[in-house]
N, C-alpha and C. Protein backbone atom coordinates (compact mmCIF):
# COMPACT_ATOMS: atom_id res chain seq x y z
N MET A 1 0.82 -1.19 0.00
CA MET A 1 0.00 0.00 0.00
C MET A 1 0.87 1.26 0.00
N ARG A 2 1.86 1.31 0.93
CA ARG A 2 2.74 2.48 1.00
C ARG A 2 3.54 2.65 -0.29
N ARG A 3 3.98 1.52 -0.86
CA ARG A 3 4.74 1.57 -2.10
C ARG A 3 3.91 2.17 -3.22
N LEU A 4 2.64 1.79 -3.31
CA LEU A 4 1.76 2.33 -4.34
C LEU A 4 1.51 3.82 -4.14
N LEU A 5 1.39 4.25 -2.91
CA LEU A 5 1.21 5.67 -2.61
C LEU A 5 2.43 6.46 -3.09
N PHE A 6 3.64 5.98 -2.74
CA PHE A 6 4.86 6.66 -3.17
C PHE A 6 5.00 6.64 -4.69
N LEU A 7 4.63 5.55 -5.31
CA LEU A 7 4.69 5.46 -6.76
C LEU A 7 3.75 6.49 -7.40
N GLY A 8 2.53 6.58 -6.90
CA GLY A 8 1.58 7.56 -7.41
C GLY A 8 2.06 8.99 -7.20
N LEU A 9 2.63 9.26 -6.02
CA LEU A 9 3.16 10.60 -5.76
C LEU A 9 4.36 10.91 -6.66
N GLY A 10 5.15 9.89 -6.97
CA GLY A 10 6.27 10.08 -7.89
C GLY A 10 5.79 10.45 -9.28
N PHE A 11 4.78 9.73 -9.78
CA PHE A 11 4.24 10.06 -11.10
C PHE A 11 3.58 11.43 -11.11
N ALA A 12 2.89 11.79 -10.02
CA ALA A 12 2.28 13.12 -9.94
C ALA A 12 3.36 14.21 -9.96
N SER A 13 4.47 13.96 -9.28
CA SER A 13 5.57 14.92 -9.28
C SER A 13 6.19 15.07 -10.66
N VAL A 14 6.34 13.95 -11.37
CA VAL A 14 6.87 14.03 -12.74
C VAL A 14 5.91 14.82 -13.62
N ALA A 15 4.60 14.60 -13.45
CA ALA A 15 3.61 15.33 -14.25
C ALA A 15 3.69 16.83 -13.96
N LEU A 16 3.81 17.21 -12.69
CA LEU A 16 3.93 18.62 -12.36
C LEU A 16 5.24 19.21 -12.89
N GLY A 17 6.31 18.43 -12.80
CA GLY A 17 7.58 18.88 -13.35
C GLY A 17 7.51 19.06 -14.86
N ALA A 18 6.83 18.14 -15.54
CA ALA A 18 6.66 18.26 -17.00
C ALA A 18 5.83 19.50 -17.34
N ALA A 19 4.81 19.78 -16.54
CA ALA A 19 4.02 20.99 -16.76
C ALA A 19 4.89 22.23 -16.56
N GLY A 20 5.84 22.15 -15.64
CA GLY A 20 6.74 23.27 -15.40
C GLY A 20 7.64 23.59 -16.58
N ILE A 21 7.84 22.64 -17.46
CA ILE A 21 8.63 22.90 -18.67
C ILE A 21 7.89 23.91 -19.55
N LEU A 22 6.57 23.83 -19.56
CA LEU A 22 5.76 24.70 -20.41
C LEU A 22 5.25 25.95 -19.70
N LEU A 23 5.02 25.87 -18.40
CA LEU A 23 4.47 26.99 -17.65
C LEU A 23 5.60 27.75 -16.96
N PRO A 24 5.74 29.04 -17.24
CA PRO A 24 6.92 29.78 -16.78
C PRO A 24 7.07 29.90 -15.26
N LEU A 25 6.01 29.96 -14.49
CA LEU A 25 6.15 30.15 -13.05
C LEU A 25 6.12 28.85 -12.25
N LEU A 26 5.95 27.73 -12.91
CA LEU A 26 5.93 26.45 -12.22
C LEU A 26 7.32 25.82 -12.35
N PRO A 27 8.00 25.59 -11.23
CA PRO A 27 9.37 25.06 -11.31
C PRO A 27 9.37 23.59 -11.75
N THR A 28 10.41 23.21 -12.45
CA THR A 28 10.53 21.84 -12.93
C THR A 28 11.40 20.99 -12.01
N VAL A 29 12.62 21.43 -11.76
CA VAL A 29 13.59 20.61 -11.03
C VAL A 29 13.12 20.24 -9.62
N PRO A 30 12.51 21.15 -8.84
CA PRO A 30 12.06 20.71 -7.51
C PRO A 30 11.06 19.55 -7.58
N PHE A 31 10.20 19.54 -8.59
CA PHE A 31 9.26 18.43 -8.72
C PHE A 31 9.97 17.15 -9.14
N MET A 32 11.02 17.27 -9.94
CA MET A 32 11.79 16.09 -10.31
C MET A 32 12.59 15.56 -9.12
N LEU A 33 13.07 16.46 -8.26
CA LEU A 33 13.71 16.03 -7.02
C LEU A 33 12.73 15.26 -6.15
N LEU A 34 11.53 15.78 -6.06
CA LEU A 34 10.49 15.11 -5.29
C LEU A 34 10.15 13.75 -5.89
N ALA A 35 10.07 13.70 -7.21
CA ALA A 35 9.80 12.42 -7.88
C ALA A 35 10.90 11.41 -7.57
N ALA A 36 12.15 11.85 -7.60
CA ALA A 36 13.27 10.95 -7.28
C ALA A 36 13.14 10.43 -5.84
N PHE A 37 12.73 11.30 -4.93
CA PHE A 37 12.52 10.90 -3.54
C PHE A 37 11.46 9.80 -3.46
N PHE A 38 10.32 10.03 -4.12
CA PHE A 38 9.24 9.05 -4.06
C PHE A 38 9.59 7.75 -4.78
N PHE A 39 10.27 7.86 -5.93
CA PHE A 39 10.65 6.65 -6.66
C PHE A 39 11.70 5.84 -5.89
N ALA A 40 12.55 6.51 -5.12
CA ALA A 40 13.54 5.79 -4.31
C ALA A 40 12.86 4.89 -3.29
N ARG A 41 11.64 5.23 -2.93
CA ARG A 41 10.91 4.46 -1.94
C ARG A 41 9.88 3.51 -2.55
N SER A 42 9.80 3.51 -3.89
CA SER A 42 8.77 2.67 -4.51
C SER A 42 9.25 1.87 -5.71
N SER A 43 10.20 2.39 -6.49
CA SER A 43 10.60 1.70 -7.71
C SER A 43 12.07 2.00 -8.04
N PRO A 44 12.97 1.05 -7.77
CA PRO A 44 14.38 1.27 -8.12
C PRO A 44 14.58 1.57 -9.60
N ARG A 45 13.78 0.96 -10.45
CA ARG A 45 13.91 1.19 -11.90
C ARG A 45 13.58 2.63 -12.26
N LEU A 46 12.48 3.16 -11.71
CA LEU A 46 12.11 4.54 -12.00
C LEU A 46 13.06 5.53 -11.34
N GLU A 47 13.56 5.19 -10.17
CA GLU A 47 14.55 6.06 -9.53
C GLU A 47 15.80 6.13 -10.41
N ALA A 48 16.27 5.01 -10.90
CA ALA A 48 17.45 5.00 -11.77
C ALA A 48 17.19 5.80 -13.04
N TRP A 49 15.99 5.67 -13.59
CA TRP A 49 15.64 6.42 -14.80
C TRP A 49 15.75 7.92 -14.57
N ILE A 50 15.17 8.42 -13.47
CA ILE A 50 15.17 9.87 -13.26
C ILE A 50 16.54 10.39 -12.82
N VAL A 51 17.27 9.59 -12.06
CA VAL A 51 18.60 10.01 -11.61
C VAL A 51 19.58 10.02 -12.78
N GLU A 52 19.38 9.13 -13.75
CA GLU A 52 20.27 9.06 -14.91
C GLU A 52 19.75 9.88 -16.09
N HIS A 53 18.62 10.54 -15.94
CA HIS A 53 18.05 11.34 -17.03
C HIS A 53 19.06 12.43 -17.43
N PRO A 54 19.28 12.62 -18.75
CA PRO A 54 20.30 13.59 -19.17
C PRO A 54 19.99 15.03 -18.74
N ARG A 55 18.74 15.40 -18.65
CA ARG A 55 18.39 16.78 -18.31
C ARG A 55 18.26 16.99 -16.80
N PHE A 56 17.61 16.10 -16.10
CA PHE A 56 17.32 16.29 -14.68
C PHE A 56 18.30 15.57 -13.76
N GLY A 57 18.94 14.54 -14.25
CA GLY A 57 19.84 13.73 -13.44
C GLY A 57 20.96 14.51 -12.76
N PRO A 58 21.68 15.39 -13.49
CA PRO A 58 22.76 16.12 -12.83
C PRO A 58 22.29 16.97 -11.65
N SER A 59 21.14 17.61 -11.77
CA SER A 59 20.62 18.42 -10.66
C SER A 59 20.21 17.54 -9.49
N ILE A 60 19.62 16.40 -9.77
CA ILE A 60 19.20 15.49 -8.70
C ILE A 60 20.44 14.95 -7.98
N ARG A 61 21.44 14.54 -8.75
CA ARG A 61 22.66 14.01 -8.12
C ARG A 61 23.38 15.08 -7.30
N ALA A 62 23.45 16.31 -7.82
CA ALA A 62 24.10 17.40 -7.09
C ALA A 62 23.37 17.69 -5.79
N TRP A 63 22.04 17.65 -5.82
CA TRP A 63 21.28 17.89 -4.61
C TRP A 63 21.51 16.77 -3.59
N ARG A 64 21.47 15.55 -4.06
CA ARG A 64 21.65 14.41 -3.15
C ARG A 64 23.05 14.37 -2.55
N GLU A 65 24.05 14.70 -3.34
CA GLU A 65 25.43 14.58 -2.88
C GLU A 65 25.90 15.76 -2.04
N ARG A 66 25.49 16.99 -2.42
CA ARG A 66 26.03 18.17 -1.76
C ARG A 66 24.98 19.19 -1.34
N GLY A 67 23.70 18.90 -1.59
CA GLY A 67 22.67 19.90 -1.31
C GLY A 67 22.83 21.12 -2.21
N ALA A 68 23.35 20.89 -3.42
CA ALA A 68 23.69 21.98 -4.33
C ALA A 68 22.54 22.35 -5.26
N ILE A 69 22.47 23.63 -5.57
CA ILE A 69 21.51 24.17 -6.54
C ILE A 69 22.32 24.95 -7.56
N GLY A 70 22.03 24.72 -8.84
CA GLY A 70 22.76 25.41 -9.90
C GLY A 70 22.52 26.90 -9.91
N PRO A 71 23.45 27.67 -10.46
CA PRO A 71 23.31 29.13 -10.50
C PRO A 71 22.03 29.60 -11.21
N ALA A 72 21.68 28.95 -12.30
CA ALA A 72 20.45 29.36 -13.01
C ALA A 72 19.21 29.10 -12.15
N GLY A 73 19.19 27.98 -11.45
CA GLY A 73 18.08 27.68 -10.56
C GLY A 73 17.99 28.67 -9.42
N LYS A 74 19.14 29.03 -8.88
CA LYS A 74 19.16 30.03 -7.81
C LYS A 74 18.62 31.37 -8.31
N ARG A 75 19.09 31.79 -9.48
CA ARG A 75 18.62 33.08 -10.03
C ARG A 75 17.12 33.06 -10.23
N ALA A 76 16.60 31.96 -10.79
CA ALA A 76 15.16 31.86 -11.04
C ALA A 76 14.37 31.89 -9.73
N ALA A 77 14.82 31.13 -8.75
CA ALA A 77 14.11 31.08 -7.47
C ALA A 77 14.17 32.43 -6.76
N LEU A 78 15.35 33.05 -6.72
CA LEU A 78 15.48 34.33 -6.04
C LEU A 78 14.70 35.42 -6.77
N GLY A 79 14.67 35.34 -8.10
CA GLY A 79 13.86 36.29 -8.87
C GLY A 79 12.38 36.14 -8.58
N ALA A 80 11.92 34.89 -8.49
CA ALA A 80 10.51 34.65 -8.19
C ALA A 80 10.16 35.13 -6.78
N PHE A 81 11.05 34.89 -5.82
CA PHE A 81 10.83 35.37 -4.46
C PHE A 81 10.77 36.90 -4.44
N ALA A 82 11.70 37.55 -5.13
CA ALA A 82 11.72 39.02 -5.16
C ALA A 82 10.44 39.57 -5.81
N PHE A 83 10.04 38.95 -6.90
CA PHE A 83 8.82 39.39 -7.58
C PHE A 83 7.60 39.27 -6.67
N SER A 84 7.47 38.13 -5.98
CA SER A 84 6.32 37.94 -5.11
C SER A 84 6.36 38.89 -3.92
N ALA A 85 7.55 39.18 -3.40
CA ALA A 85 7.66 40.11 -2.28
C ALA A 85 7.25 41.51 -2.69
N VAL A 86 7.72 41.95 -3.85
CA VAL A 86 7.35 43.28 -4.34
C VAL A 86 5.86 43.34 -4.64
N LEU A 87 5.34 42.32 -5.26
CA LEU A 87 3.91 42.27 -5.55
C LEU A 87 3.09 42.34 -4.25
N GLY A 88 3.52 41.61 -3.24
CA GLY A 88 2.84 41.65 -1.94
C GLY A 88 2.90 43.03 -1.32
N LEU A 89 4.06 43.68 -1.39
CA LEU A 89 4.21 45.02 -0.83
C LEU A 89 3.29 46.03 -1.53
N VAL A 90 3.10 45.85 -2.82
CA VAL A 90 2.28 46.79 -3.60
C VAL A 90 0.79 46.50 -3.45
N LEU A 91 0.40 45.25 -3.43
CA LEU A 91 -1.02 44.90 -3.51
C LEU A 91 -1.70 44.54 -2.19
N LEU A 92 -0.95 44.15 -1.18
CA LEU A 92 -1.57 43.66 0.05
C LEU A 92 -1.56 44.71 1.15
N PRO A 93 -2.61 44.71 1.97
CA PRO A 93 -2.62 45.63 3.11
C PRO A 93 -1.76 45.08 4.24
N PHE A 94 -1.35 45.97 5.12
CA PHE A 94 -0.64 45.55 6.32
C PHE A 94 -1.60 44.78 7.20
N PRO A 95 -1.28 43.71 7.83
CA PRO A 95 0.01 43.04 7.97
C PRO A 95 0.24 41.95 6.94
N TRP A 96 -0.73 41.72 6.02
CA TRP A 96 -0.62 40.62 5.06
C TRP A 96 0.57 40.78 4.13
N LEU A 97 0.99 42.00 3.89
CA LEU A 97 2.13 42.22 3.00
C LEU A 97 3.42 41.66 3.57
N LEU A 98 3.43 41.38 4.87
CA LEU A 98 4.63 40.82 5.49
C LEU A 98 4.84 39.34 5.16
N ALA A 99 3.78 38.61 4.82
CA ALA A 99 3.90 37.18 4.55
C ALA A 99 4.80 36.89 3.34
N PRO A 100 4.53 37.49 2.16
CA PRO A 100 5.45 37.20 1.04
C PRO A 100 6.85 37.76 1.29
N LEU A 101 6.95 38.84 2.02
CA LEU A 101 8.27 39.39 2.35
C LEU A 101 9.05 38.43 3.24
N ALA A 102 8.38 37.88 4.25
CA ALA A 102 9.04 36.92 5.14
C ALA A 102 9.43 35.65 4.39
N ALA A 103 8.55 35.18 3.50
CA ALA A 103 8.88 33.98 2.71
C ALA A 103 10.08 34.25 1.80
N ALA A 104 10.12 35.45 1.21
CA ALA A 104 11.24 35.79 0.33
C ALA A 104 12.55 35.86 1.10
N VAL A 105 12.52 36.48 2.27
CA VAL A 105 13.74 36.61 3.06
C VAL A 105 14.18 35.23 3.58
N GLY A 106 13.24 34.48 4.15
CA GLY A 106 13.59 33.16 4.69
C GLY A 106 13.97 32.16 3.62
N GLY A 107 13.09 31.97 2.65
CA GLY A 107 13.35 31.01 1.58
C GLY A 107 14.51 31.42 0.68
N GLY A 108 14.54 32.70 0.34
CA GLY A 108 15.62 33.20 -0.52
C GLY A 108 16.97 33.13 0.18
N GLY A 109 16.97 33.44 1.46
CA GLY A 109 18.22 33.35 2.22
C GLY A 109 18.73 31.92 2.27
N TRP A 110 17.82 30.97 2.45
CA TRP A 110 18.23 29.57 2.50
C TRP A 110 18.77 29.13 1.14
N ILE A 111 18.07 29.48 0.06
CA ILE A 111 18.51 29.09 -1.28
C ILE A 111 19.87 29.71 -1.60
N ALA A 112 20.06 30.96 -1.22
CA ALA A 112 21.33 31.63 -1.50
C ALA A 112 22.51 30.96 -0.80
N THR A 113 22.26 30.29 0.33
CA THR A 113 23.36 29.65 1.05
C THR A 113 23.69 28.25 0.55
N ARG A 114 22.89 27.70 -0.35
CA ARG A 114 23.19 26.36 -0.89
C ARG A 114 24.40 26.45 -1.80
N PRO A 115 25.24 25.43 -1.80
CA PRO A 115 26.39 25.43 -2.72
C PRO A 115 25.93 25.34 -4.18
N ASP A 116 26.79 25.81 -5.08
CA ASP A 116 26.50 25.71 -6.52
C ASP A 116 26.76 24.30 -7.00
N GLU A 117 26.06 23.92 -8.08
CA GLU A 117 26.26 22.60 -8.70
C GLU A 117 27.68 22.44 -9.18
């Protein structure tokens, strides 16, 4: 039962990651990392497929080995955080405008401290 749940979550993560290839604000690599996590617990064959994938494999291996995020991924994530923080500051009333700002500072700070691929 647990194996089937993880397998289903792995396929759902791959589907969301694939959608991220086409949709500009939906990230791809984090969903592929999640898929690798779920496949590691449900299907060695699918885990090997995603870890050895020519496009996503290097990012997954770098994350697993060193907790590393590539420079392009960092720029994209930090840009999205900055955009959402500015949007929150402009559109939301106080105190709600603090939520995207806090997420940007906390999440962005954490991402910035990850090693490069």
